[in-house]
Amino acid sequence: MKVPGCRTPGHLENNSFASININIGPGECEWFGVPYEYWPVVEKMCKERNLDFLKGAWWPNFQDLIKAEVPCYRFTQKLEIWYGWAVDACTGSNLLAGATMWPGTLDQ
């Protein structure tokens, strides 16, 4: 559970499992997602900045992703709506409840 006003840095779900995030309010939540197939580009960007993606807190520069031709999905999660994703980051002024689901595939 994430408290209101928290910021979730970019991350890959444990074991690349799919996740479910439910926005339980009080407001909306903005999400950014990068397709898993672009992980090598994201990993290279982190290494160039001396960041450990798996242990550190990474918040990508949106323009750097565009420049590297990495598709970045940006969307707003409304109250009481759930979603699942792969590599993601979130900022919002609400509570989020999440669960990691298994078994799963990248195509689910």
Protein backbone atom coordinates (compact mmCIF):
# COMPACT_ATOMS: atom_id res chain seq x y z
CA MET A 1 0.00 0.00 0.00
CA LYS A 2 1.31 3.44 -0.90
CA VAL A 3 0.29 6.46 1.14
CA PRO A 4 -1.15 9.66 -0.38
CA GLY A 5 1.46 11.85 -2.04
CA CYS A 6 4.03 9.09 -2.49
CA ARG A 7 6.13 8.67 -5.58
CA THR A 8 7.01 5.19 -6.80
CA PRO A 9 10.31 5.17 -8.71
CA GLY A 10 10.74 3.21 -11.92
CA HIS A 11 10.87 -0.52 -11.27
CA LEU A 12 10.32 -3.98 -12.70
CA GLU A 13 7.92 -6.21 -10.76
CA ASN A 14 9.48 -9.10 -8.82
CA ASN A 15 10.33 -11.98 -11.17
CA SER A 16 8.70 -9.96 -13.97
CA PHE A 17 5.27 -11.02 -12.72
CA ALA A 18 2.24 -8.95 -13.67
CA SER A 19 0.96 -6.59 -11.01
CA ILE A 20 -2.42 -5.19 -10.16
CA ASN A 21 -2.74 -1.70 -8.70
CA ILE A 22 -6.06 -0.41 -7.40
CA ASN A 23 -6.48 3.31 -6.84
CA ILE A 24 -8.47 3.69 -3.61
CA GLY A 25 -8.29 7.49 -3.61
CA PRO A 26 -8.71 10.19 -2.71
CA GLY A 27 -7.54 11.35 -6.15
CA GLU A 28 -6.12 10.26 -9.49
CA CYS A 29 -2.71 8.70 -10.08
CA GLU A 30 -0.40 9.33 -13.02
CA TRP A 31 1.53 6.34 -14.38
CA PHE A 32 4.36 5.90 -16.86
CA GLY A 33 5.13 2.58 -18.50
CA VAL A 34 7.83 1.24 -20.81
CA PRO A 35 7.42 -2.05 -22.70
CA TYR A 36 9.55 -4.86 -21.30
CA GLU A 37 11.27 -5.34 -24.67
CA TYR A 38 13.05 -2.00 -24.10
CA TRP A 39 14.67 -3.14 -20.86
CA PRO A 40 18.19 -3.22 -22.44
CA VAL A 41 17.85 0.49 -23.34
CA VAL A 42 16.58 1.39 -19.86
CA GLU A 43 19.37 -0.63 -18.25
CA LYS A 44 21.96 1.18 -20.39
CA MET A 45 20.49 4.57 -19.39
CA CYS A 46 20.83 3.63 -15.72
CA LYS A 47 24.41 2.40 -16.09
CA GLU A 48 25.38 5.64 -17.86
CA ARG A 49 24.14 7.50 -14.76
CA ASN A 50 25.78 5.08 -12.27
CA LEU A 51 22.35 3.94 -11.06
CA ASP A 52 21.48 0.42 -9.94
CA PHE A 53 17.97 -0.11 -11.31
CA LEU A 54 17.25 -3.06 -8.99
CA LYS A 55 18.54 -1.44 -5.76
CA GLY A 56 18.24 2.29 -6.28
CA ALA A 57 15.52 4.82 -6.95
CA TRP A 58 15.31 5.76 -10.62
CA TRP A 59 13.01 8.35 -12.13
CA PRO A 60 13.58 8.64 -15.90
CA ASN A 61 13.67 11.89 -17.81
CA PHE A 62 10.78 11.63 -20.26
CA GLN A 63 12.77 13.46 -22.96
CA ASP A 64 15.68 11.00 -22.58
CA LEU A 65 13.28 8.12 -23.27
CA ILE A 66 11.91 9.86 -26.37
CA LYS A 67 15.43 10.64 -27.61
CA ALA A 68 16.39 6.96 -27.19
CA GLU A 69 13.24 6.00 -29.16
CA VAL A 70 11.77 4.15 -26.18
CA PRO A 71 7.96 4.19 -26.29
CA CYS A 72 6.67 5.54 -23.01
CA TYR A 73 3.03 5.19 -22.06
CA ARG A 74 1.64 7.87 -19.79
CA PHE A 75 -1.84 7.62 -18.38
CA THR A 76 -4.05 8.60 -15.48
CA GLN A 77 -5.58 5.99 -13.21
CA LYS A 78 -8.99 7.09 -11.96
CA LEU A 79 -10.41 6.28 -8.53
CA GLU A 80 -11.28 2.58 -8.04
CA ILE A 81 -9.79 1.54 -11.39
CA TRP A 82 -7.16 -1.22 -11.53
CA TYR A 83 -4.43 -1.92 -14.03
CA GLY A 84 -1.45 -4.20 -14.59
CA TRP A 85 1.91 -3.37 -16.21
CA ALA A 86 5.57 -4.39 -16.49
CA VAL A 87 8.19 -1.64 -16.07
CA ASP A 88 6.48 1.33 -14.48
CA ALA A 89 6.64 4.41 -12.29
CA CYS A 90 3.91 6.34 -10.51
CA THR A 91 3.22 9.67 -8.88
CA GLY A 92 -0.01 10.65 -7.22
CA SER A 93 -1.86 12.05 -4.23
CA ASN A 94 -3.81 8.94 -3.35
CA LEU A 95 -3.63 5.50 -1.77
CA LEU A 96 -2.68 2.54 -3.92
CA ALA A 97 -3.06 -1.12 -3.09
CA GLY A 98 -1.03 -3.51 -5.20
CA ALA A 99 -0.58 -7.23 -5.66
CA THR A 100 1.86 -9.23 -7.75
CA MET A 101 0.19 -12.02 -9.71
CA TRP A 102 1.61 -15.40 -10.75
CA PRO A 103 1.66 -17.34 -13.03
CA GLY A 104 1.80 -14.89 -15.85
CA THR A 105 3.39 -13.90 -19.10
CA LEU A 106 4.35 -10.62 -20.70
CA ASP A 107 1.47 -11.09 -23.14
CA GLN A 108 -1.37 -11.34 -20.64
